[in-house]
Amino acid sequence: MSATTAAPTLDWRAEALDEIAATRRFFDRTTSVFDDADSLFRATPETMTVASQVAHAAQLIDWFREGSLHDRWDLDFEKQAAATDAVTSLTEARRWLGEAWERLRAEVATLPEAKLLETMADNPIVPGRPRLYAVRAVVDHCGHHRGALAVYARLAGKVPPMPYGED
């Protein structure tokens, strides 16, 4: 690149929206082997069920969106665990997840770029980060639960598809 050629400007919003869409596809593809009959399957008695893991992923998308974009960090983790543990239907968990993805996508798509790039208010979770960091956190968190659910699938005698396959 010559000294007179400027580096291309990164479109942070487009990057974030692509990450949201890809993470959603990967999660949905991996968990597509489950149906409602698998809702209450769990790896061990003390672990979350399939339905509660999917509900937890949905809850955390909303949680990071609310905390990162609106400075509303709900730190009542017992209440949050009780809410996801109460979900016993994979269909219901998937509905929540789809709605959570859409809420995050819609906000990232419509908030002013300056708001997305500003530093979050002081918080105990991800201090000093730009608001858009919520997307990175959601990607990481969903990857963690996608992996756990792939193990659940194998324990249930199912073979989860490769998450990065063709659409």
N, C-alpha and C. Protein backbone atom coordinates (compact mmCIF):
# COMPACT_ATOMS: atom_id res chain seq x y z
N MET A 1 0.85 -1.17 0.00
CA MET A 1 0.00 0.00 0.00
C MET A 1 0.90 1.23 0.00
N SER A 2 0.60 2.15 -0.87
CA SER A 2 1.42 3.37 -0.93
C SER A 2 1.05 4.30 0.22
N ALA A 3 1.90 5.27 0.44
CA ALA A 3 1.68 6.22 1.52
C ALA A 3 0.42 7.06 1.27
N THR A 4 0.01 7.16 0.01
CA THR A 4 -1.16 7.98 -0.30
C THR A 4 -2.46 7.17 -0.30
N THR A 5 -2.36 5.87 -0.17
CA THR A 5 -3.56 5.02 -0.16
C THR A 5 -4.00 4.80 1.27
N ALA A 6 -5.20 5.20 1.57
CA ALA A 6 -5.72 5.03 2.93
C ALA A 6 -6.21 3.59 3.13
N ALA A 7 -6.03 3.11 4.33
CA ALA A 7 -6.55 1.78 4.68
C ALA A 7 -8.07 1.84 4.65
N PRO A 8 -8.72 0.76 4.23
CA PRO A 8 -10.18 0.77 4.22
C PRO A 8 -10.73 0.92 5.63
N THR A 9 -11.85 1.61 5.74
CA THR A 9 -12.50 1.80 7.03
C THR A 9 -13.35 0.58 7.34
N LEU A 10 -13.21 0.06 8.53
CA LEU A 10 -13.99 -1.10 8.92
C LEU A 10 -15.40 -0.67 9.28
N ASP A 11 -16.37 -1.37 8.74
CA ASP A 11 -17.77 -1.11 9.06
C ASP A 11 -18.12 -1.98 10.26
N TRP A 12 -18.01 -1.42 11.46
CA TRP A 12 -18.20 -2.17 12.70
C TRP A 12 -19.60 -2.77 12.79
N ARG A 13 -20.60 -2.01 12.35
CA ARG A 13 -21.97 -2.49 12.41
C ARG A 13 -22.14 -3.72 11.50
N ALA A 14 -21.64 -3.63 10.28
CA ALA A 14 -21.76 -4.77 9.35
C ALA A 14 -21.02 -5.99 9.90
N GLU A 15 -19.85 -5.77 10.45
CA GLU A 15 -19.09 -6.89 11.05
C GLU A 15 -19.88 -7.54 12.18
N ALA A 16 -20.46 -6.71 13.04
CA ALA A 16 -21.23 -7.23 14.17
C ALA A 16 -22.46 -7.99 13.69
N LEU A 17 -23.16 -7.44 12.71
CA LEU A 17 -24.36 -8.12 12.19
C LEU A 17 -23.99 -9.45 11.52
N ASP A 18 -22.85 -9.49 10.83
CA ASP A 18 -22.39 -10.76 10.25
C ASP A 18 -22.08 -11.78 11.34
N GLU A 19 -21.44 -11.33 12.43
CA GLU A 19 -21.12 -12.24 13.54
C GLU A 19 -22.39 -12.77 14.21
N ILE A 20 -23.37 -11.91 14.38
CA ILE A 20 -24.64 -12.34 14.97
C ILE A 20 -25.28 -13.40 14.09
N ALA A 21 -25.36 -13.14 12.79
CA ALA A 21 -25.99 -14.09 11.86
C ALA A 21 -25.24 -15.42 11.82
N ALA A 22 -23.92 -15.36 11.76
CA ALA A 22 -23.13 -16.60 11.70
C ALA A 22 -23.26 -17.40 12.98
N THR A 23 -23.19 -16.74 14.12
CA THR A 23 -23.28 -17.45 15.40
C THR A 23 -24.65 -18.09 15.55
N ARG A 24 -25.68 -17.41 15.10
CA ARG A 24 -27.03 -17.97 15.14
C ARG A 24 -27.11 -19.22 14.25
N ARG A 25 -26.58 -19.12 13.04
CA ARG A 25 -26.59 -20.29 12.13
C ARG A 25 -25.83 -21.47 12.75
N PHE A 26 -24.65 -21.20 13.30
CA PHE A 26 -23.85 -22.27 13.88
C PHE A 26 -24.57 -22.94 15.04
N PHE A 27 -25.17 -22.12 15.92
CA PHE A 27 -25.88 -22.67 17.08
C PHE A 27 -27.08 -23.50 16.61
N ASP A 28 -27.85 -22.95 15.69
CA ASP A 28 -29.04 -23.66 15.21
C ASP A 28 -28.67 -24.96 14.50
N ARG A 29 -27.60 -24.92 13.71
CA ARG A 29 -27.19 -26.11 12.98
C ARG A 29 -26.75 -27.21 13.96
N THR A 30 -25.93 -26.88 14.91
CA THR A 30 -25.45 -27.88 15.88
C THR A 30 -26.60 -28.49 16.67
N THR A 31 -27.55 -27.65 17.05
CA THR A 31 -28.64 -28.14 17.90
C THR A 31 -29.83 -28.68 17.11
N SER A 32 -29.72 -28.69 15.80
CA SER A 32 -30.83 -29.16 14.96
C SER A 32 -31.13 -30.65 15.16
N VAL A 33 -30.22 -31.40 15.75
CA VAL A 33 -30.46 -32.84 15.97
C VAL A 33 -31.45 -33.09 17.10
N PHE A 34 -31.71 -32.07 17.90
CA PHE A 34 -32.64 -32.24 19.02
C PHE A 34 -34.07 -31.94 18.59
N ASP A 35 -35.00 -32.64 19.22
CA ASP A 35 -36.41 -32.32 19.05
C ASP A 35 -37.03 -32.25 20.45
N ASP A 36 -38.33 -32.00 20.51
CA ASP A 36 -38.97 -31.81 21.81
C ASP A 36 -38.81 -33.01 22.74
N ALA A 37 -38.68 -34.19 22.18
CA ALA A 37 -38.49 -35.38 23.03
C ALA A 37 -37.17 -35.31 23.80
N ASP A 38 -36.24 -34.49 23.33
CA ASP A 38 -34.94 -34.34 23.99
C ASP A 38 -34.91 -33.18 24.99
N SER A 39 -36.02 -32.48 25.15
CA SER A 39 -36.06 -31.26 25.97
C SER A 39 -35.46 -31.45 27.35
N LEU A 40 -35.75 -32.55 28.00
CA LEU A 40 -35.32 -32.74 29.39
C LEU A 40 -34.06 -33.59 29.54
N PHE A 41 -33.42 -33.92 28.41
CA PHE A 41 -32.17 -34.67 28.49
C PHE A 41 -31.10 -33.79 29.13
N ARG A 42 -30.31 -34.42 29.99
CA ARG A 42 -29.18 -33.73 30.61
C ARG A 42 -28.02 -34.70 30.71
N ALA A 43 -26.82 -34.18 30.71
CA ALA A 43 -25.62 -35.03 30.73
C ALA A 43 -25.48 -35.75 32.06
N THR A 44 -25.73 -35.07 33.14
CA THR A 44 -25.68 -35.64 34.49
C THR A 44 -26.81 -34.99 35.29
N PRO A 45 -27.17 -35.56 36.41
CA PRO A 45 -28.30 -35.00 37.18
C PRO A 45 -28.13 -33.52 37.58
N GLU A 46 -26.92 -33.06 37.74
CA GLU A 46 -26.72 -31.67 38.18
C GLU A 46 -26.54 -30.67 37.03
N THR A 47 -26.56 -31.12 35.79
CA THR A 47 -26.39 -30.19 34.67
C THR A 47 -27.73 -29.71 34.13
N MET A 48 -27.67 -28.66 33.34
CA MET A 48 -28.88 -28.13 32.71
C MET A 48 -29.42 -29.13 31.68
N THR A 49 -30.71 -29.04 31.43
CA THR A 49 -31.32 -29.85 30.37
C THR A 49 -31.03 -29.20 29.02
N VAL A 50 -31.34 -29.92 27.96
CA VAL A 50 -31.21 -29.35 26.62
C VAL A 50 -32.03 -28.06 26.53
N ALA A 51 -33.29 -28.12 26.96
CA ALA A 51 -34.15 -26.94 26.89
C ALA A 51 -33.61 -25.80 27.73
N SER A 52 -33.13 -26.09 28.93
CA SER A 52 -32.64 -25.00 29.77
C SER A 52 -31.33 -24.43 29.25
N GLN A 53 -30.50 -25.24 28.58
CA GLN A 53 -29.27 -24.69 27.97
C GLN A 53 -29.62 -23.72 26.84
N VAL A 54 -30.57 -24.09 26.00
CA VAL A 54 -30.97 -23.21 24.91
C VAL A 54 -31.61 -21.94 25.48
N ALA A 55 -32.45 -22.10 26.51
CA ALA A 55 -33.06 -20.94 27.16
C ALA A 55 -31.98 -20.05 27.79
N HIS A 56 -30.97 -20.65 28.38
CA HIS A 56 -29.88 -19.89 28.98
C HIS A 56 -29.13 -19.09 27.91
N ALA A 57 -28.90 -19.69 26.76
CA ALA A 57 -28.24 -18.95 25.67
C ALA A 57 -29.09 -17.75 25.27
N ALA A 58 -30.40 -17.95 25.17
CA ALA A 58 -31.31 -16.84 24.84
C ALA A 58 -31.26 -15.76 25.91
N GLN A 59 -31.31 -16.19 27.14
CA GLN A 59 -31.31 -15.24 28.26
C GLN A 59 -30.03 -14.39 28.25
N LEU A 60 -28.90 -15.02 27.97
CA LEU A 60 -27.64 -14.28 27.99
C LEU A 60 -27.49 -13.34 26.81
N ILE A 61 -28.12 -13.65 25.69
CA ILE A 61 -28.13 -12.69 24.58
C ILE A 61 -28.84 -11.42 25.04
N ASP A 62 -30.02 -11.60 25.64
CA ASP A 62 -30.75 -10.45 26.16
C ASP A 62 -29.98 -9.75 27.27
N TRP A 63 -29.34 -10.53 28.14
CA TRP A 63 -28.61 -9.98 29.27
C TRP A 63 -27.45 -9.10 28.79
N PHE A 64 -26.65 -9.61 27.83
CA PHE A 64 -25.55 -8.81 27.31
C PHE A 64 -26.07 -7.59 26.54
N ARG A 65 -27.16 -7.75 25.81
CA ARG A 65 -27.74 -6.61 25.09
C ARG A 65 -28.17 -5.52 26.08
N GLU A 66 -28.91 -5.91 27.10
CA GLU A 66 -29.38 -4.95 28.10
C GLU A 66 -28.22 -4.30 28.85
N GLY A 67 -27.25 -5.11 29.25
CA GLY A 67 -26.12 -4.58 30.01
C GLY A 67 -25.22 -3.70 29.16
N SER A 68 -24.82 -4.21 28.02
CA SER A 68 -23.85 -3.49 27.18
C SER A 68 -24.44 -2.29 26.47
N LEU A 69 -25.64 -2.43 25.96
CA LEU A 69 -26.20 -1.34 25.16
C LEU A 69 -27.02 -0.35 25.98
N HIS A 70 -27.50 -0.79 27.17
CA HIS A 70 -28.38 0.07 27.97
C HIS A 70 -27.93 0.26 29.41
N ASP A 71 -26.77 -0.29 29.77
CA ASP A 71 -26.23 -0.15 31.13
C ASP A 71 -27.18 -0.71 32.18
N ARG A 72 -27.87 -1.79 31.85
CA ARG A 72 -28.77 -2.44 32.81
C ARG A 72 -28.26 -3.87 33.05
N TRP A 73 -27.34 -4.01 33.96
CA TRP A 73 -26.75 -5.30 34.29
C TRP A 73 -27.53 -5.92 35.45
N ASP A 74 -28.29 -6.96 35.18
CA ASP A 74 -29.04 -7.68 36.23
C ASP A 74 -28.11 -8.74 36.80
N LEU A 75 -27.68 -8.55 38.04
CA LEU A 75 -26.73 -9.47 38.65
C LEU A 75 -27.40 -10.48 39.59
N ASP A 76 -28.70 -10.64 39.48
CA ASP A 76 -29.41 -11.64 40.28
C ASP A 76 -29.35 -12.98 39.54
N PHE A 77 -28.21 -13.66 39.66
CA PHE A 77 -27.97 -14.88 38.90
C PHE A 77 -28.86 -16.04 39.35
N GLU A 78 -29.24 -16.06 40.61
CA GLU A 78 -30.16 -17.11 41.08
C GLU A 78 -31.52 -16.99 40.39
N LYS A 79 -32.02 -15.78 40.29
CA LYS A 79 -33.29 -15.54 39.60
C LYS A 79 -33.19 -15.96 38.13
N GLN A 80 -32.07 -15.63 37.51
CA GLN A 80 -31.87 -15.97 36.10
C GLN A 80 -31.80 -17.48 35.91
N ALA A 81 -31.10 -18.18 36.80
CA ALA A 81 -31.01 -19.64 36.70
C ALA A 81 -32.37 -20.27 36.91
N ALA A 82 -33.15 -19.75 37.83
CA ALA A 82 -34.50 -20.28 38.07
C ALA A 82 -35.36 -20.13 36.82
N ALA A 83 -35.22 -19.01 36.12
CA ALA A 83 -36.02 -18.78 34.91
C ALA A 83 -35.66 -19.77 33.81
N THR A 84 -34.38 -20.03 33.62
CA THR A 84 -34.01 -20.97 32.55
C THR A 84 -34.26 -22.41 32.96
N ASP A 85 -34.10 -22.72 34.24
CA ASP A 85 -34.40 -24.08 34.71
C ASP A 85 -35.88 -24.40 34.57
N ALA A 86 -36.72 -23.39 34.58
CA ALA A 86 -38.17 -23.60 34.46
C ALA A 86 -38.60 -23.93 33.03
N VAL A 87 -37.73 -23.70 32.06
CA VAL A 87 -38.08 -23.98 30.67
C VAL A 87 -37.92 -25.48 30.43
N THR A 88 -39.03 -26.14 30.11
CA THR A 88 -39.01 -27.59 29.92
C THR A 88 -39.33 -28.00 28.48
N SER A 89 -39.54 -27.05 27.61
CA SER A 89 -39.86 -27.33 26.21
C SER A 89 -38.79 -26.74 25.31
N LEU A 90 -38.19 -27.59 24.49
CA LEU A 90 -37.20 -27.11 23.54
C LEU A 90 -37.83 -26.14 22.54
N THR A 91 -39.07 -26.38 22.17
CA THR A 91 -39.76 -25.46 21.27
C THR A 91 -39.84 -24.07 21.90
N GLU A 92 -40.20 -24.01 23.17
CA GLU A 92 -40.29 -22.73 23.87
C GLU A 92 -38.90 -22.08 23.98
N ALA A 93 -37.89 -22.87 24.29
CA ALA A 93 -36.53 -22.33 24.40
C ALA A 93 -36.06 -21.78 23.05
N ARG A 94 -36.36 -22.50 21.97
CA ARG A 94 -35.96 -22.02 20.64
C ARG A 94 -36.71 -20.74 20.26
N ARG A 95 -37.96 -20.63 20.67
CA ARG A 95 -38.73 -19.41 20.40
C ARG A 95 -38.05 -18.22 21.10
N TRP A 96 -37.71 -18.40 22.38
CA TRP A 96 -37.03 -17.36 23.14
C TRP A 96 -35.71 -17.00 22.47
N LEU A 97 -34.97 -18.01 22.06
CA LEU A 97 -33.67 -17.78 21.42
C LEU A 97 -33.84 -16.98 20.13
N GLY A 98 -34.79 -17.36 19.30
CA GLY A 98 -35.01 -16.62 18.06
C GLY A 98 -35.38 -15.17 18.31
N GLU A 99 -36.21 -14.94 19.30
CA GLU A 99 -36.60 -13.57 19.65
C GLU A 99 -35.42 -12.79 20.21
N ALA A 100 -34.59 -13.44 21.01
CA ALA A 100 -33.41 -12.76 21.57
C ALA A 100 -32.43 -12.38 20.46
N TRP A 101 -32.21 -13.30 19.52
CA TRP A 101 -31.33 -12.98 18.39
C TRP A 101 -31.87 -11.78 17.64
N GLU A 102 -33.18 -11.76 17.41
CA GLU A 102 -33.77 -10.66 16.65
C GLU A 102 -33.67 -9.33 17.40
N ARG A 103 -33.87 -9.35 18.71
CA ARG A 103 -33.72 -8.11 19.49
C ARG A 103 -32.30 -7.56 19.38
N LEU A 104 -31.31 -8.45 19.50
CA LEU A 104 -29.91 -8.00 19.39
C LEU A 104 -29.63 -7.48 17.99
N ARG A 105 -30.03 -8.23 16.99
CA ARG A 105 -29.78 -7.82 15.60
C ARG A 105 -30.42 -6.46 15.32
N ALA A 106 -31.66 -6.29 15.73
CA ALA A 106 -32.38 -5.04 15.47
C ALA A 106 -31.71 -3.85 16.15
N GLU A 107 -31.27 -4.04 17.37
CA GLU A 107 -30.62 -2.91 18.08
C GLU A 107 -29.29 -2.56 17.45
N VAL A 108 -28.49 -3.57 17.13
CA VAL A 108 -27.19 -3.28 16.50
C VAL A 108 -27.41 -2.60 15.15
N ALA A 109 -28.44 -3.02 14.44
CA ALA A 109 -28.71 -2.45 13.12
C ALA A 109 -29.19 -1.00 13.18
N THR A 110 -29.80 -0.60 14.30
CA THR A 110 -30.43 0.72 14.33
C THR A 110 -29.78 1.74 15.27
N LEU A 111 -29.01 1.30 16.22
CA LEU A 111 -28.36 2.27 17.12
C LEU A 111 -27.32 3.08 16.34
N PRO A 112 -27.17 4.35 16.64
CA PRO A 112 -26.13 5.14 15.98
C PRO A 112 -24.75 4.53 16.22
N GLU A 113 -23.91 4.58 15.20
CA GLU A 113 -22.58 3.99 15.32
C GLU A 113 -21.80 4.58 16.49
N ALA A 114 -21.96 5.85 16.73
CA ALA A 114 -21.26 6.48 17.86
C ALA A 114 -21.66 5.83 19.18
N LYS A 115 -22.93 5.47 19.31
CA LYS A 115 -23.41 4.80 20.54
C LYS A 115 -22.81 3.40 20.63
N LEU A 116 -22.75 2.68 19.52
CA LEU A 116 -22.19 1.32 19.52
C LEU A 116 -20.70 1.32 19.90
N LEU A 117 -20.00 2.37 19.51
CA LEU A 117 -18.55 2.41 19.74
C LEU A 117 -18.16 3.11 21.05
N GLU A 118 -19.11 3.75 21.72
CA GLU A 118 -18.76 4.42 22.97
C GLU A 118 -18.48 3.40 24.07
N THR A 119 -17.69 3.81 25.03
CA THR A 119 -17.34 2.94 26.15
C THR A 119 -18.55 2.79 27.06
N MET A 120 -18.79 1.58 27.50
CA MET A 120 -19.90 1.32 28.42
C MET A 120 -19.67 2.07 29.73
N ALA A 121 -20.78 2.33 30.41
CA ALA A 121 -20.68 2.87 31.76
C ALA A 121 -19.95 1.83 32.62
N ASP A 122 -19.34 2.30 33.69
CA ASP A 122 -18.62 1.38 34.58
C ASP A 122 -19.54 0.24 34.99
N ASN A 123 -19.01 -0.98 34.91
CA ASN A 123 -19.80 -2.17 35.25
C ASN A 123 -18.87 -3.27 35.71
N PRO A 124 -19.39 -4.27 36.44
CA PRO A 124 -18.54 -5.33 36.98
C PRO A 124 -18.28 -6.49 36.00
N ILE A 125 -18.85 -6.45 34.81
CA ILE A 125 -18.75 -7.58 33.89
C ILE A 125 -17.67 -7.36 32.84
N VAL A 126 -17.77 -6.31 32.06
CA VAL A 126 -16.79 -6.00 31.01
C VAL A 126 -16.45 -4.50 31.06
N PRO A 127 -15.78 -4.07 32.12
CA PRO A 127 -15.49 -2.64 32.26
C PRO A 127 -14.54 -2.13 31.17
N GLY A 128 -14.79 -0.90 30.77
CA GLY A 128 -13.89 -0.25 29.83
C GLY A 128 -14.02 -0.69 28.39
N ARG A 129 -15.02 -1.45 28.07
CA ARG A 129 -15.20 -1.96 26.70
C ARG A 129 -16.23 -1.13 25.94
N PRO A 130 -16.11 -1.11 24.61
CA PRO A 130 -17.15 -0.44 23.83
C PRO A 130 -18.45 -1.24 23.91
N ARG A 131 -19.57 -0.57 23.73
CA ARG A 131 -20.88 -1.22 23.81
C ARG A 131 -20.98 -2.40 22.84
N LEU A 132 -20.38 -2.27 21.70
CA LEU A 132 -20.44 -3.32 20.69
C LEU A 132 -19.77 -4.61 21.15
N TYR A 133 -19.02 -4.54 22.24
CA TYR A 133 -18.39 -5.74 22.79
C TYR A 133 -19.42 -6.80 23.15
N ALA A 134 -20.66 -6.40 23.33
CA ALA A 134 -21.73 -7.36 23.62
C ALA A 134 -21.77 -8.46 22.57
N VAL A 135 -21.52 -8.12 21.34
CA VAL A 135 -21.58 -9.12 20.26
C VAL A 135 -20.47 -10.14 20.46
N ARG A 136 -19.27 -9.72 20.75
CA ARG A 136 -18.16 -10.65 20.98
C ARG A 136 -18.48 -11.58 22.16
N ALA A 137 -19.04 -11.02 23.22
CA ALA A 137 -19.38 -11.83 24.39
C ALA A 137 -20.46 -12.85 24.06
N VAL A 138 -21.45 -12.45 23.27
CA VAL A 138 -22.52 -13.37 22.87
C VAL A 138 -21.95 -14.48 21.99
N VAL A 139 -21.06 -14.15 21.06
CA VAL A 139 -20.44 -15.16 20.21
C VAL A 139 -19.71 -16.19 21.06
N ASP A 140 -18.91 -15.73 22.01
CA ASP A 140 -18.16 -16.63 22.88
C ASP A 140 -19.10 -17.48 23.73
N HIS A 141 -20.09 -16.85 24.33
CA HIS A 141 -21.00 -17.59 25.21
C HIS A 141 -21.80 -18.63 24.44
N CYS A 142 -22.29 -18.26 23.27
CA CYS A 142 -23.07 -19.22 22.47
C CYS A 142 -22.17 -20.36 21.97
N GLY A 143 -20.92 -20.05 21.65
CA GLY A 143 -19.99 -21.11 21.25
C GLY A 143 -19.78 -22.12 22.37
N HIS A 144 -19.68 -21.63 23.60
CA HIS A 144 -19.53 -22.50 24.76
C HIS A 144 -20.72 -23.44 24.89
N HIS A 145 -21.93 -22.90 24.81
CA HIS A 145 -23.12 -23.74 24.97
C HIS A 145 -23.39 -24.60 23.74
N ARG A 146 -23.00 -24.13 22.57
CA ARG A 146 -23.10 -24.96 21.37
C ARG A 146 -22.23 -26.20 21.53
N GLY A 147 -21.03 -26.02 22.06
CA GLY A 147 -20.14 -27.15 22.29
C GLY A 147 -20.70 -28.11 23.33
N ALA A 148 -21.24 -27.56 24.42
CA ALA A 148 -21.83 -28.42 25.44
C ALA A 148 -23.00 -29.22 24.86
N LEU A 149 -23.81 -28.56 24.05
CA LEU A 149 -24.96 -29.25 23.47
C LEU A 149 -24.53 -30.29 22.42
N ALA A 150 -23.40 -30.07 21.77
CA ALA A 150 -22.88 -31.11 20.86
C ALA A 150 -22.50 -32.36 21.66
N VAL A 151 -21.93 -32.15 22.85
CA VAL A 151 -21.62 -33.29 23.72
C VAL A 151 -22.91 -33.97 24.18
N TYR A 152 -23.90 -33.19 24.57
CA TYR A 152 -25.20 -33.75 24.95
C TYR A 152 -25.75 -34.62 23.81
N ALA A 153 -25.66 -34.11 22.59
CA ALA A 153 -26.18 -34.86 21.45
C ALA A 153 -25.48 -36.22 21.35
N ARG A 154 -24.18 -36.22 21.46
CA ARG A 154 -23.43 -37.49 21.38
C ARG A 154 -23.83 -38.41 22.53
N LEU A 155 -23.99 -37.88 23.73
CA LEU A 155 -24.41 -38.70 24.86
C LEU A 155 -25.82 -39.28 24.65
N ALA A 156 -26.64 -38.57 23.88
CA ALA A 156 -27.99 -39.04 23.58
C ALA A 156 -28.03 -39.94 22.34
N GLY A 157 -26.84 -40.26 21.80
CA GLY A 157 -26.78 -41.15 20.64
C GLY A 157 -27.05 -40.46 19.31
N LYS A 158 -26.90 -39.14 19.27
CA LYS A 158 -27.13 -38.37 18.05
C LYS A 158 -25.81 -37.82 17.55
N VAL A 159 -25.77 -37.48 16.28
CA VAL A 159 -24.56 -36.91 15.69
C VAL A 159 -24.88 -35.47 15.25
N PRO A 160 -24.34 -34.50 15.96
CA PRO A 160 -24.61 -33.11 15.56
C PRO A 160 -23.90 -32.79 14.25
N PRO A 161 -24.55 -32.05 13.37
CA PRO A 161 -23.89 -31.69 12.11
C PRO A 161 -22.76 -30.70 12.36
N MET A 162 -21.83 -30.66 11.44
CA MET A 162 -20.74 -29.69 11.48
C MET A 162 -21.37 -28.30 11.45
N PRO A 163 -21.08 -27.45 12.40
CA PRO A 163 -21.76 -26.14 12.46
C PRO A 163 -21.46 -25.23 11.28
N TYR A 164 -20.31 -25.42 10.63
CA TYR A 164 -19.87 -24.48 9.60
C TYR A 164 -20.22 -24.93 8.20
N GLY A 165 -21.10 -25.93 8.08
CA GLY A 165 -21.48 -26.46 6.78
C GLY A 165 -22.27 -25.48 5.95
N GLU A 166 -22.65 -25.94 4.79
CA GLU A 166 -23.44 -25.12 3.86
C GLU A 166 -24.81 -24.83 4.42
N ASP A 167 -25.35 -23.67 4.07
CA ASP A 167 -26.71 -23.31 4.48
C ASP A 167 -27.72 -24.00 3.60
